Amino acid sequence: MNKLIVAMLVPLLAACSATTLERTYRGTYSYGHEVRSFKPCNEREDYWVSFDWAGIEMQDFYENARKPPYQPLYIEFRGQVLNEDVDGFAEQSSGLIRISEVFNYTFEVPSGCN
């Protein structure tokens, strides 16, 4: 009986710990030739961005609506900074951030987001 309870709790606890690493981020996203970066509002870090289905709509909007190259897009999303080695152009960033859910995006960057 105890082994059954433990066997059921282990996956549940693992799932809980994975989601606690995620948080809501606000900042600017830039995309262009060899650039896919996110800078949180009022912070110095600049992360290389990774996403799958969660960022496709936002990325399509960015590519179709931007005017100048690398135009900042204000974005709010749920995600997490990954503890992974990066290479290539991503090496110039503070690390890798993964977007798991996009809440909002606009080319109008709020004045309080530097």
PDB file of N, CA and C in Angstrom:
ATOM      1  N   MET A   1       0.819  -1.195   0.000  1.00  0.00           N
ATOM      2  CA  MET A   1       0.000   0.000   0.000  1.00  0.00           C
ATOM      3  C   MET A   1       0.866   1.264   0.000  1.00  0.00           C
ATOM      4  N   ASN A   2       1.882   1.302   0.891  1.00  0.00           N
ATOM      5  CA  ASN A   2       2.755   2.471   0.944  1.00  0.00           C
ATOM      6  C   ASN A   2       3.524   2.661  -0.353  1.00  0.00           C
ATOM      7  N   LYS A   3       3.943   1.551  -0.970  1.00  0.00           N
ATOM      8  CA  LYS A   3       4.669   1.646  -2.237  1.00  0.00           C
ATOM      9  C   LYS A   3       3.775   2.220  -3.326  1.00  0.00           C
ATOM     10  N   LEU A   4       2.508   1.867  -3.298  1.00  0.00           N
ATOM     11  CA  LEU A   4       1.561   2.387  -4.279  1.00  0.00           C
ATOM     12  C   LEU A   4       1.386   3.895  -4.106  1.00  0.00           C
ATOM     13  N   ILE A   5       1.273   4.343  -2.888  1.00  0.00           N
ATOM     14  CA  ILE A   5       1.126   5.781  -2.620  1.00  0.00           C
ATOM     15  C   ILE A   5       2.368   6.534  -3.079  1.00  0.00           C
ATOM     16  N   VAL A   6       3.536   6.009  -2.756  1.00  0.00           N
ATOM     17  CA  VAL A   6       4.785   6.642  -3.179  1.00  0.00           C
ATOM     18  C   VAL A   6       4.876   6.672  -4.695  1.00  0.00           C
ATOM     19  N   ALA A   7       4.511   5.568  -5.340  1.00  0.00           N
ATOM     20  CA  ALA A   7       4.563   5.504  -6.805  1.00  0.00           C
ATOM     21  C   ALA A   7       3.630   6.533  -7.437  1.00  0.00           C
ATOM     22  N   MET A   8       2.521   6.827  -6.786  1.00  0.00           N
ATOM     23  CA  MET A   8       1.587   7.822  -7.325  1.00  0.00           C
ATOM     24  C   MET A   8       2.054   9.244  -7.027  1.00  0.00           C
ATOM     25  N   LEU A   9       2.722   9.453  -5.912  1.00  0.00           N
ATOM     26  CA  LEU A   9       3.144  10.798  -5.525  1.00  0.00           C
ATOM     27  C   LEU A   9       4.367  11.290  -6.280  1.00  0.00           C
ATOM     28  N   VAL A  10       5.280  10.414  -6.649  1.00  0.00           N
ATOM     29  CA  VAL A  10       6.520  10.831  -7.312  1.00  0.00           C
ATOM     30  C   VAL A  10       6.245  11.606  -8.597  1.00  0.00           C
ATOM     31  N   PRO A  11       5.425  11.096  -9.538  1.00  0.00           N
ATOM     32  CA  PRO A  11       5.159  11.886 -10.751  1.00  0.00           C
ATOM     33  C   PRO A  11       4.443  13.203 -10.447  1.00  0.00           C
ATOM     34  N   LEU A  12       3.546  13.175  -9.457  1.00  0.00           N
ATOM     35  CA  LEU A  12       2.828  14.391  -9.093  1.00  0.00           C
ATOM     36  C   LEU A  12       3.779  15.450  -8.552  1.00  0.00           C
ATOM     37  N   LEU A  13       4.678  15.068  -7.679  1.00  0.00           N
ATOM     38  CA  LEU A  13       5.646  16.017  -7.131  1.00  0.00           C
ATOM     39  C   LEU A  13       6.605  16.519  -8.197  1.00  0.00           C
ATOM     40  N   ALA A  14       6.993  15.663  -9.115  1.00  0.00           N
ATOM     41  CA  ALA A  14       7.874  16.086 -10.210  1.00  0.00           C
ATOM     42  C   ALA A  14       7.179  17.116 -11.084  1.00  0.00           C
ATOM     43  N   ALA A  15       5.906  16.917 -11.360  1.00  0.00           N
ATOM     44  CA  ALA A  15       5.152  17.878 -12.171  1.00  0.00           C
ATOM     45  C   ALA A  15       5.025  19.209 -11.447  1.00  0.00           C
ATOM     46  N   CYS A  16       4.791  19.167 -10.147  1.00  0.00           N
ATOM     47  CA  CYS A  16       4.677  20.409  -9.377  1.00  0.00           C
ATOM     48  C   CYS A  16       5.983  21.180  -9.377  1.00  0.00           C
ATOM     49  N   SER A  17       7.091  20.510  -9.208  1.00  0.00           N
ATOM     50  CA  SER A  17       8.371  21.210  -9.169  1.00  0.00           C
ATOM     51  C   SER A  17       8.718  21.790 -10.525  1.00  0.00           C
ATOM     52  N   ALA A  18       8.306  21.156 -11.613  1.00  0.00           N
ATOM     53  CA  ALA A  18       8.595  21.682 -12.948  1.00  0.00           C
ATOM     54  C   ALA A  18       7.832  22.970 -13.196  1.00  0.00           C
ATOM     55  N   THR A  19       6.575  23.038 -12.732  1.00  0.00           N
ATOM     56  CA  THR A  19       5.790  24.238 -12.985  1.00  0.00           C
ATOM     57  C   THR A  19       6.190  25.385 -12.068  1.00  0.00           C
ATOM     58  N   THR A  20       6.767  25.109 -10.910  1.00  0.00           N
ATOM     59  CA  THR A  20       7.145  26.196 -10.020  1.00  0.00           C
ATOM     60  C   THR A  20       8.342  26.973 -10.559  1.00  0.00           C
ATOM     61  N   LEU A  21       9.075  26.407 -11.487  1.00  0.00           N
ATOM     62  CA  LEU A  21      10.200  27.117 -12.076  1.00  0.00           C
ATOM     63  C   LEU A  21       9.732  28.186 -13.057  1.00  0.00           C
ATOM     64  N   GLU A  22       8.517  28.043 -13.542  1.00  0.00           N
ATOM     65  CA  GLU A  22       7.989  29.016 -14.484  1.00  0.00           C
ATOM     66  C   GLU A  22       7.449  30.227 -13.739  1.00  0.00           C
ATOM     67  N   ARG A  23       7.494  31.357 -14.430  1.00  0.00           N
ATOM     68  CA  ARG A  23       6.912  32.575 -13.876  1.00  0.00           C
ATOM     69  C   ARG A  23       6.476  33.458 -15.029  1.00  0.00           C
ATOM     70  N   THR A  24       5.812  34.548 -14.716  1.00  0.00           N
ATOM     71  CA  THR A  24       5.370  35.484 -15.742  1.00  0.00           C
ATOM     72  C   THR A  24       6.473  36.498 -16.004  1.00  0.00           C
ATOM     73  N   TYR A  25       6.750  36.719 -17.272  1.00  0.00           N
ATOM     74  CA  TYR A  25       7.762  37.686 -17.694  1.00  0.00           C
ATOM     75  C   TYR A  25       7.107  38.787 -18.506  1.00  0.00           C
ATOM     76  N   ARG A  26       7.670  39.987 -18.414  1.00  0.00           N
ATOM     77  CA  ARG A  26       7.258  41.139 -19.215  1.00  0.00           C
ATOM     78  C   ARG A  26       8.522  41.800 -19.736  1.00  0.00           C
ATOM     79  N   GLY A  27       8.506  42.132 -21.022  1.00  0.00           N
ATOM     80  CA  GLY A  27       9.681  42.769 -21.589  1.00  0.00           C
ATOM     81  C   GLY A  27       9.573  42.875 -23.089  1.00  0.00           C
ATOM     82  N   THR A  28      10.718  43.053 -23.746  1.00  0.00           N
ATOM     83  CA  THR A  28      10.719  43.235 -25.193  1.00  0.00           C
ATOM     84  C   THR A  28      11.393  42.063 -25.890  1.00  0.00           C
ATOM     85  N   TYR A  29      10.781  41.684 -26.993  1.00  0.00           N
ATOM     86  CA  TYR A  29      11.259  40.591 -27.836  1.00  0.00           C
ATOM     87  C   TYR A  29      11.733  41.196 -29.144  1.00  0.00           C
ATOM     88  N   SER A  30      12.887  40.778 -29.619  1.00  0.00           N
ATOM     89  CA  SER A  30      13.418  41.240 -30.909  1.00  0.00           C
ATOM     90  C   SER A  30      13.788  40.032 -31.744  1.00  0.00           C
ATOM     91  N   TYR A  31      13.527  40.157 -33.040  1.00  0.00           N
ATOM     92  CA  TYR A  31      13.788  39.054 -33.953  1.00  0.00           C
ATOM     93  C   TYR A  31      14.380  39.609 -35.232  1.00  0.00           C
ATOM     94  N   GLY A  32      15.317  38.896 -35.784  1.00  0.00           N
ATOM     95  CA  GLY A  32      15.929  39.282 -37.047  1.00  0.00           C
ATOM     96  C   GLY A  32      16.979  38.266 -37.426  1.00  0.00           C
ATOM     97  N   HIS A  33      17.826  38.636 -38.363  1.00  0.00           N
ATOM     98  CA  HIS A  33      18.880  37.735 -38.819  1.00  0.00           C
ATOM     99  C   HIS A  33      19.785  37.365 -37.646  1.00  0.00           C
ATOM    100  N   GLU A  34      19.775  36.100 -37.281  1.00  0.00           N
ATOM    101  CA  GLU A  34      20.593  35.561 -36.184  1.00  0.00           C
ATOM    102  C   GLU A  34      20.281  36.189 -34.827  1.00  0.00           C
ATOM    103  N   VAL A  35      19.061  36.723 -34.669  1.00  0.00           N
ATOM    104  CA  VAL A  35      18.653  37.318 -33.391  1.00  0.00           C
ATOM    105  C   VAL A  35      17.265  36.803 -33.030  1.00  0.00           C
ATOM    106  N   ARG A  36      17.144  36.327 -31.806  1.00  0.00           N
ATOM    107  CA  ARG A  36      15.855  35.959 -31.222  1.00  0.00           C
ATOM    108  C   ARG A  36      16.018  36.203 -29.728  1.00  0.00           C
ATOM    109  N   SER A  37      15.816  37.452 -29.305  1.00  0.00           N
ATOM    110  CA  SER A  37      16.172  37.813 -27.934  1.00  0.00           C
ATOM    111  C   SER A  37      14.998  38.393 -27.156  1.00  0.00           C
ATOM    112  N   PHE A  38      15.071  38.235 -25.839  1.00  0.00           N
ATOM    113  CA  PHE A  38      14.092  38.794 -24.907  1.00  0.00           C
ATOM    114  C   PHE A  38      14.843  39.522 -23.808  1.00  0.00           C
ATOM    115  N   LYS A  39      14.417  40.774 -23.558  1.00  0.00           N
ATOM    116  CA  LYS A  39      14.985  41.566 -22.472  1.00  0.00           C
ATOM    117  C   LYS A  39      13.863  41.909 -21.502  1.00  0.00           C
ATOM    118  N   PRO A  40      13.907  41.383 -20.267  1.00  0.00           N
ATOM    119  CA  PRO A  40      12.878  41.716 -19.285  1.00  0.00           C
ATOM    120  C   PRO A  40      12.871  43.216 -18.981  1.00  0.00           C
ATOM    121  N   CYS A  41      11.687  43.744 -18.707  1.00  0.00           N
ATOM    122  CA  CYS A  41      11.565  45.162 -18.354  1.00  0.00           C
ATOM    123  C   CYS A  41      12.482  45.492 -17.183  1.00  0.00           C
ATOM    124  N   ASN A  42      13.205  46.594 -17.318  1.00  0.00           N
ATOM    125  CA  ASN A  42      14.025  47.169 -16.254  1.00  0.00           C
ATOM    126  C   ASN A  42      15.090  46.218 -15.707  1.00  0.00           C
ATOM    127  N   GLU A  43      15.573  45.314 -16.528  1.00  0.00           N
ATOM    128  CA  GLU A  43      16.660  44.414 -16.142  1.00  0.00           C
ATOM    129  C   GLU A  43      17.751  44.478 -17.196  1.00  0.00           C
ATOM    130  N   ARG A  44      18.938  44.034 -16.842  1.00  0.00           N
ATOM    131  CA  ARG A  44      20.071  44.068 -17.776  1.00  0.00           C
ATOM    132  C   ARG A  44      20.178  42.804 -18.619  1.00  0.00           C
ATOM    133  N   GLU A  45      19.597  41.704 -18.139  1.00  0.00           N
ATOM    134  CA  GLU A  45      19.720  40.436 -18.846  1.00  0.00           C
ATOM    135  C   GLU A  45      19.098  40.513 -20.236  1.00  0.00           C
ATOM    136  N   ASP A  46      19.631  39.700 -21.114  1.00  0.00           N
ATOM    137  CA  ASP A  46      19.138  39.591 -22.484  1.00  0.00           C
ATOM    138  C   ASP A  46      19.206  38.109 -22.839  1.00  0.00           C
ATOM    139  N   TYR A  47      18.063  37.461 -22.984  1.00  0.00           N
ATOM    140  CA  TYR A  47      18.010  36.012 -23.160  1.00  0.00           C
ATOM    141  C   TYR A  47      17.752  35.614 -24.611  1.00  0.00           C
ATOM    142  N   TRP A  48      18.333  34.509 -25.014  1.00  0.00           N
ATOM    143  CA  TRP A  48      17.997  33.876 -26.289  1.00  0.00           C
ATOM    144  C   TRP A  48      16.668  33.159 -26.072  1.00  0.00           C
ATOM    145  N   VAL A  49      15.739  33.289 -27.019  1.00  0.00           N
ATOM    146  CA  VAL A  49      14.382  32.782 -26.850  1.00  0.00           C
ATOM    147  C   VAL A  49      14.199  31.430 -27.529  1.00  0.00           C
ATOM    148  N   SER A  50      13.519  30.550 -26.814  1.00  0.00           N
ATOM    149  CA  SER A  50      13.129  29.246 -27.336  1.00  0.00           C
ATOM    150  C   SER A  50      11.628  29.086 -27.125  1.00  0.00           C
ATOM    151  N   PHE A  51      10.923  28.588 -28.136  1.00  0.00           N
ATOM    152  CA  PHE A  51       9.497  28.287 -27.990  1.00  0.00           C
ATOM    153  C   PHE A  51       9.096  27.273 -29.041  1.00  0.00           C
ATOM    154  N   ASP A  52       7.950  26.629 -28.809  1.00  0.00           N
ATOM    155  CA  ASP A  52       7.392  25.757 -29.830  1.00  0.00           C
ATOM    156  C   ASP A  52       6.025  26.321 -30.193  1.00  0.00           C
ATOM    157  N   TRP A  53       4.983  25.573 -30.074  1.00  0.00           N
ATOM    158  CA  TRP A  53       3.648  26.049 -30.441  1.00  0.00           C
ATOM    159  C   TRP A  53       3.238  27.299 -29.669  1.00  0.00           C
ATOM    160  N   ALA A  54       3.732  27.479 -28.468  1.00  0.00           N
ATOM    161  CA  ALA A  54       3.303  28.591 -27.616  1.00  0.00           C
ATOM    162  C   ALA A  54       3.627  29.953 -28.218  1.00  0.00           C
ATOM    163  N   GLY A  55       4.674  30.060 -29.008  1.00  0.00           N
ATOM    164  CA  GLY A  55       5.070  31.351 -29.549  1.00  0.00           C
ATOM    165  C   GLY A  55       4.830  31.526 -31.033  1.00  0.00           C
ATOM    166  N   ILE A  56       4.217  30.550 -31.678  1.00  0.00           N
ATOM    167  CA  ILE A  56       4.068  30.620 -33.134  1.00  0.00           C
ATOM    168  C   ILE A  56       3.195  31.792 -33.568  1.00  0.00           C
ATOM    169  N   GLU A  57       2.048  31.990 -32.929  1.00  0.00           N
ATOM    170  CA  GLU A  57       1.160  33.099 -33.298  1.00  0.00           C
ATOM    171  C   GLU A  57       1.858  34.444 -33.099  1.00  0.00           C
ATOM    172  N   MET A  58       2.545  34.598 -31.976  1.00  0.00           N
ATOM    173  CA  MET A  58       3.278  35.830 -31.692  1.00  0.00           C
ATOM    174  C   MET A  58       4.373  36.052 -32.730  1.00  0.00           C
ATOM    175  N   GLN A  59       5.100  35.007 -33.087  1.00  0.00           N
ATOM    176  CA  GLN A  59       6.173  35.118 -34.069  1.00  0.00           C
ATOM    177  C   GLN A  59       5.618  35.494 -35.442  1.00  0.00           C
ATOM    178  N   ASP A  60       4.494  34.893 -35.840  1.00  0.00           N
ATOM    179  CA  ASP A  60       3.862  35.244 -37.118  1.00  0.00           C
ATOM    180  C   ASP A  60       3.441  36.709 -37.132  1.00  0.00           C
ATOM    181  N   PHE A  61       2.848  37.173 -36.024  1.00  0.00           N
ATOM    182  CA  PHE A  61       2.463  38.581 -35.911  1.00  0.00           C
ATOM    183  C   PHE A  61       3.684  39.472 -36.073  1.00  0.00           C
ATOM    184  N   TYR A  62       4.758  39.120 -35.389  1.00  0.00           N
ATOM    185  CA  TYR A  62       5.980  39.922 -35.433  1.00  0.00           C
ATOM    186  C   TYR A  62       6.515  40.020 -36.858  1.00  0.00           C
ATOM    187  N   GLU A  63       6.616  38.889 -37.527  1.00  0.00           N
ATOM    188  CA  GLU A  63       7.188  38.876 -38.875  1.00  0.00           C
ATOM    189  C   GLU A  63       6.332  39.636 -39.881  1.00  0.00           C
ATOM    190  N   ASN A  64       5.014  39.612 -39.706  1.00  0.00           N
ATOM    191  CA  ASN A  64       4.117  40.258 -40.662  1.00  0.00           C
ATOM    192  C   ASN A  64       3.853  41.728 -40.368  1.00  0.00           C
ATOM    193  N   ALA A  65       4.018  42.173 -39.134  1.00  0.00           N
ATOM    194  CA  ALA A  65       3.638  43.535 -38.763  1.00  0.00           C
ATOM    195  C   ALA A  65       4.808  44.483 -38.507  1.00  0.00           C
ATOM    196  N   ARG A  66       5.998  43.979 -38.285  1.00  0.00           N
ATOM    197  CA  ARG A  66       7.112  44.877 -37.944  1.00  0.00           C
ATOM    198  C   ARG A  66       7.525  45.708 -39.152  1.00  0.00           C
ATOM    199  N   LYS A  67       8.012  46.872 -38.865  1.00  0.00           N
ATOM    200  CA  LYS A  67       8.488  47.763 -39.929  1.00  0.00           C
ATOM    201  C   LYS A  67      10.017  47.707 -40.017  1.00  0.00           C
ATOM    202  N   PRO A  68      10.742  48.310 -39.082  1.00  0.00           N
ATOM    203  CA  PRO A  68      12.207  48.208 -39.169  1.00  0.00           C
ATOM    204  C   PRO A  68      12.674  46.855 -38.628  1.00  0.00           C
ATOM    205  N   PRO A  69      13.828  46.392 -39.086  1.00  0.00           N
ATOM    206  CA  PRO A  69      14.381  45.147 -38.537  1.00  0.00           C
ATOM    207  C   PRO A  69      14.648  45.285 -37.037  1.00  0.00           C
ATOM    208  N   TYR A  70      14.462  44.209 -36.322  1.00  0.00           N
ATOM    209  CA  TYR A  70      14.755  44.128 -34.885  1.00  0.00           C
ATOM    210  C   TYR A  70      13.882  45.064 -34.048  1.00  0.00           C
ATOM    211  N   GLN A  71      12.732  45.445 -34.553  1.00  0.00           N
ATOM    212  CA  GLN A  71      11.826  46.318 -33.805  1.00  0.00           C
ATOM    213  C   GLN A  71      11.383  45.616 -32.518  1.00  0.00           C
ATOM    214  N   PRO A  72      11.470  46.290 -31.354  1.00  0.00           N
ATOM    215  CA  PRO A  72      11.067  45.656 -30.096  1.00  0.00           C
ATOM    216  C   PRO A  72       9.555  45.415 -30.048  1.00  0.00           C
ATOM    217  N   LEU A  73       9.176  44.240 -29.615  1.00  0.00           N
ATOM    218  CA  LEU A  73       7.785  43.857 -29.410  1.00  0.00           C
ATOM    219  C   LEU A  73       7.601  43.624 -27.918  1.00  0.00           C
ATOM    220  N   TYR A  74       6.684  44.374 -27.300  1.00  0.00           N
ATOM    221  CA  TYR A  74       6.402  44.153 -25.884  1.00  0.00           C
ATOM    222  C   TYR A  74       5.630  42.842 -25.764  1.00  0.00           C
ATOM    223  N   ILE A  75       6.056  42.000 -24.831  1.00  0.00           N
ATOM    224  CA  ILE A  75       5.435  40.687 -24.676  1.00  0.00           C
ATOM    225  C   ILE A  75       5.298  40.333 -23.202  1.00  0.00           C
ATOM    226  N   GLU A  76       4.197  39.687 -22.877  1.00  0.00           N
ATOM    227  CA  GLU A  76       3.966  39.125 -21.549  1.00  0.00           C
ATOM    228  C   GLU A  76       3.740  37.631 -21.743  1.00  0.00           C
ATOM    229  N   PHE A  77       4.473  36.818 -21.001  1.00  0.00           N
ATOM    230  CA  PHE A  77       4.365  35.374 -21.190  1.00  0.00           C
ATOM    231  C   PHE A  77       4.736  34.615 -19.929  1.00  0.00           C
ATOM    232  N   ARG A  78       4.363  33.352 -19.920  1.00  0.00           N
ATOM    233  CA  ARG A  78       4.783  32.436 -18.870  1.00  0.00           C
ATOM    234  C   ARG A  78       5.922  31.609 -19.446  1.00  0.00           C
ATOM    235  N   GLY A  79       6.981  31.462 -18.670  1.00  0.00           N
ATOM    236  CA  GLY A  79       8.124  30.705 -19.149  1.00  0.00           C
ATOM    237  C   GLY A  79       9.147  30.512 -18.052  1.00  0.00           C
ATOM    238  N   GLN A  80      10.313  30.060 -18.466  1.00  0.00           N
ATOM    239  CA  GLN A  80      11.371  29.849 -17.483  1.00  0.00           C
ATOM    240  C   GLN A  80      12.737  29.959 -18.136  1.00  0.00           C
ATOM    241  N   VAL A  81      13.684  30.404 -17.329  1.00  0.00           N
ATOM    242  CA  VAL A  81      15.079  30.432 -17.751  1.00  0.00           C
ATOM    243  C   VAL A  81      15.598  29.003 -17.617  1.00  0.00           C
ATOM    244  N   LEU A  82      16.206  28.504 -18.684  1.00  0.00           N
ATOM    245  CA  LEU A  82      16.704  27.133 -18.694  1.00  0.00           C
ATOM    246  C   LEU A  82      18.180  27.095 -18.324  1.00  0.00           C
ATOM    247  N   ASN A  83      18.547  26.093 -17.602  1.00  0.00           N
ATOM    248  CA  ASN A  83      19.940  25.900 -17.214  1.00  0.00           C
ATOM    249  C   ASN A  83      20.601  24.994 -18.250  1.00  0.00           C
ATOM    250  N   GLU A  84      20.811  25.536 -19.444  1.00  0.00           N
ATOM    251  CA  GLU A  84      21.393  24.766 -20.539  1.00  0.00           C
ATOM    252  C   GLU A  84      22.521  25.565 -21.174  1.00  0.00           C
ATOM    253  N   ASP A  85      23.490  24.861 -21.694  1.00  0.00           N
ATOM    254  CA  ASP A  85      24.559  25.517 -22.437  1.00  0.00           C
ATOM    255  C   ASP A  85      24.013  26.011 -23.765  1.00  0.00           C
ATOM    256  N   VAL A  86      24.465  27.173 -24.185  1.00  0.00           N
ATOM    257  CA  VAL A  86      24.067  27.721 -25.479  1.00  0.00           C
ATOM    258  C   VAL A  86      25.312  27.869 -26.343  1.00  0.00           C
ATOM    259  N   ASP A  87      25.088  27.887 -27.649  1.00  0.00           N
ATOM    260  CA  ASP A  87      26.217  28.062 -28.556  1.00  0.00           C
ATOM    261  C   ASP A  87      25.808  28.983 -29.696  1.00  0.00           C
ATOM    262  N   GLY A  88      26.730  29.257 -30.568  1.00  0.00           N
ATOM    263  CA  GLY A  88      26.453  30.140 -31.696  1.00  0.00           C
ATOM    264  C   GLY A  88      26.138  31.555 -31.234  1.00  0.00           C
ATOM    265  N   PHE A  89      25.185  32.185 -31.904  1.00  0.00           N
ATOM    266  CA  PHE A  89      24.821  33.560 -31.559  1.00  0.00           C
ATOM    267  C   PHE A  89      24.211  33.665 -30.166  1.00  0.00           C
ATOM    268  N   ALA A  90      23.629  32.591 -29.666  1.00  0.00           N
ATOM    269  CA  ALA A  90      23.031  32.595 -28.332  1.00  0.00           C
ATOM    270  C   ALA A  90      24.073  32.755 -27.235  1.00  0.00           C
ATOM    271  N   GLU A  91      25.342  32.470 -27.527  1.00  0.00           N
ATOM    272  CA  GLU A  91      26.402  32.614 -26.524  1.00  0.00           C
ATOM    273  C   GLU A  91      26.554  34.057 -26.049  1.00  0.00           C
ATOM    274  N   GLN A  92      26.141  35.002 -26.858  1.00  0.00           N
ATOM    275  CA  GLN A  92      26.274  36.414 -26.497  1.00  0.00           C
ATOM    276  C   GLN A  92      25.181  36.863 -25.529  1.00  0.00           C
ATOM    277  N   SER A  93      24.230  35.989 -25.213  1.00  0.00           N
ATOM    278  CA  SER A  93      23.120  36.345 -24.335  1.00  0.00           C
ATOM    279  C   SER A  93      23.402  35.908 -22.899  1.00  0.00           C
ATOM    280  N   SER A  94      22.498  36.303 -21.996  1.00  0.00           N
ATOM    281  CA  SER A  94      22.620  35.933 -20.584  1.00  0.00           C
ATOM    282  C   SER A  94      22.213  34.490 -20.331  1.00  0.00           C
ATOM    283  N   GLY A  95      21.581  33.869 -21.300  1.00  0.00           N
ATOM    284  CA  GLY A  95      21.114  32.494 -21.145  1.00  0.00           C
ATOM    285  C   GLY A  95      19.970  32.208 -22.094  1.00  0.00           C
ATOM    286  N   LEU A  96      19.272  31.130 -21.822  1.00  0.00           N
ATOM    287  CA  LEU A  96      18.177  30.665 -22.665  1.00  0.00           C
ATOM    288  C   LEU A  96      16.879  30.740 -21.883  1.00  0.00           C
ATOM    289  N   ILE A  97      15.845  31.323 -22.483  1.00  0.00           N
ATOM    290  CA  ILE A  97      14.536  31.393 -21.843  1.00  0.00           C
ATOM    291  C   ILE A  97      13.530  30.706 -22.752  1.00  0.00           C
ATOM    292  N   ARG A  98      12.679  29.903 -22.156  1.00  0.00           N
ATOM    293  CA  ARG A  98      11.672  29.154 -22.918  1.00  0.00           C
ATOM    294  C   ARG A  98      10.295  29.727 -22.648  1.00  0.00           C
ATOM    295  N   ILE A  99       9.579  30.045 -23.719  1.00  0.00           N
ATOM    296  CA  ILE A  99       8.209  30.552 -23.629  1.00  0.00           C
ATOM    297  C   ILE A  99       7.259  29.362 -23.675  1.00  0.00           C
ATOM    298  N   SER A 100       6.392  29.250 -22.662  1.00  0.00           N
ATOM    299  CA  SER A 100       5.428  28.155 -22.660  1.00  0.00           C
ATOM    300  C   SER A 100       3.996  28.629 -22.875  1.00  0.00           C
ATOM    301  N   GLU A 101       3.717  29.908 -22.625  1.00  0.00           N
ATOM    302  CA  GLU A 101       2.388  30.462 -22.900  1.00  0.00           C
ATOM    303  C   GLU A 101       2.510  31.970 -23.078  1.00  0.00           C
ATOM    304  N   VAL A 102       1.965  32.487 -24.165  1.00  0.00           N
ATOM    305  CA  VAL A 102       1.995  33.924 -24.442  1.00  0.00           C
ATOM    306  C   VAL A 102       0.655  34.521 -24.032  1.00  0.00           C
ATOM    307  N   PHE A 103       0.695  35.603 -23.234  1.00  0.00           N
ATOM    308  CA  PHE A 103      -0.525  36.260 -22.782  1.00  0.00           C
ATOM    309  C   PHE A 103      -0.870  37.484 -23.619  1.00  0.00           C
ATOM    310  N   ASN A 104       0.149  38.266 -23.990  1.00  0.00           N
ATOM    311  CA  ASN A 104      -0.101  39.548 -24.644  1.00  0.00           C
ATOM    312  C   ASN A 104       1.143  39.965 -25.411  1.00  0.00           C
ATOM    313  N   TYR A 105       0.936  40.669 -26.525  1.00  0.00           N
ATOM    314  CA  TYR A 105       2.058  41.249 -27.259  1.00  0.00           C
ATOM    315  C   TYR A 105       1.575  42.427 -28.088  1.00  0.00           C
ATOM    316  N   THR A 106       2.437  43.438 -28.205  1.00  0.00           N
ATOM    317  CA  THR A 106       2.126  44.644 -28.951  1.00  0.00           C
ATOM    318  C   THR A 106       3.427  45.372 -29.274  1.00  0.00           C
ATOM    319  N   PHE A 107       3.406  46.144 -30.345  1.00  0.00           N
ATOM    320  CA  PHE A 107       4.584  46.957 -30.661  1.00  0.00           C
ATOM    321  C   PHE A 107       4.617  48.244 -29.836  1.00  0.00           C
ATOM    322  N   GLU A 108       3.580  48.513 -29.060  1.00  0.00           N
ATOM    323  CA  GLU A 108       3.558  49.681 -28.176  1.00  0.00           C
ATOM    324  C   GLU A 108       4.175  49.277 -26.837  1.00  0.00           C
ATOM    325  N   VAL A 109       5.431  49.604 -26.661  1.00  0.00           N
ATOM    326  CA  VAL A 109       6.149  49.256 -25.430  1.00  0.00           C
ATOM    327  C   VAL A 109       5.761  50.257 -24.346  1.00  0.00           C
ATOM    328  N   PRO A 110       5.253  49.797 -23.186  1.00  0.00           N
ATOM    329  CA  PRO A 110       4.872  50.717 -22.110  1.00  0.00           C
ATOM    330  C   PRO A 110       6.052  51.573 -21.658  1.00  0.00           C
ATOM    331  N   SER A 111       5.757  52.787 -21.243  1.00  0.00           N
ATOM    332  CA  SER A 111       6.820  53.716 -20.837  1.00  0.00           C
ATOM    333  C   SER A 111       7.607  53.205 -19.630  1.00  0.00           C
ATOM    334  N   GLY A 112       7.028  52.376 -18.796  1.00  0.00           N
ATOM    335  CA  GLY A 112       7.723  51.856 -17.622  1.00  0.00           C
ATOM    336  C   GLY A 112       8.583  50.638 -17.898  1.00  0.00           C
ATOM    337  N   CYS A 113       8.708  50.270 -19.159  1.00  0.00           N
ATOM    338  CA  CYS A 113       9.502  49.090 -19.524  1.00  0.00           C
ATOM    339  C   CYS A 113      10.736  49.547 -20.279  1.00  0.00           C
ATOM    340  N   ASN A 114      11.870  49.555 -19.595  1.00  0.00           N
ATOM    341  CA  ASN A 114      13.129  49.987 -20.209  1.00  0.00           C
ATOM    342  C   ASN A 114      14.052  48.817 -20.394  1.00  0.00           C
TER     343      ASN A 114
END
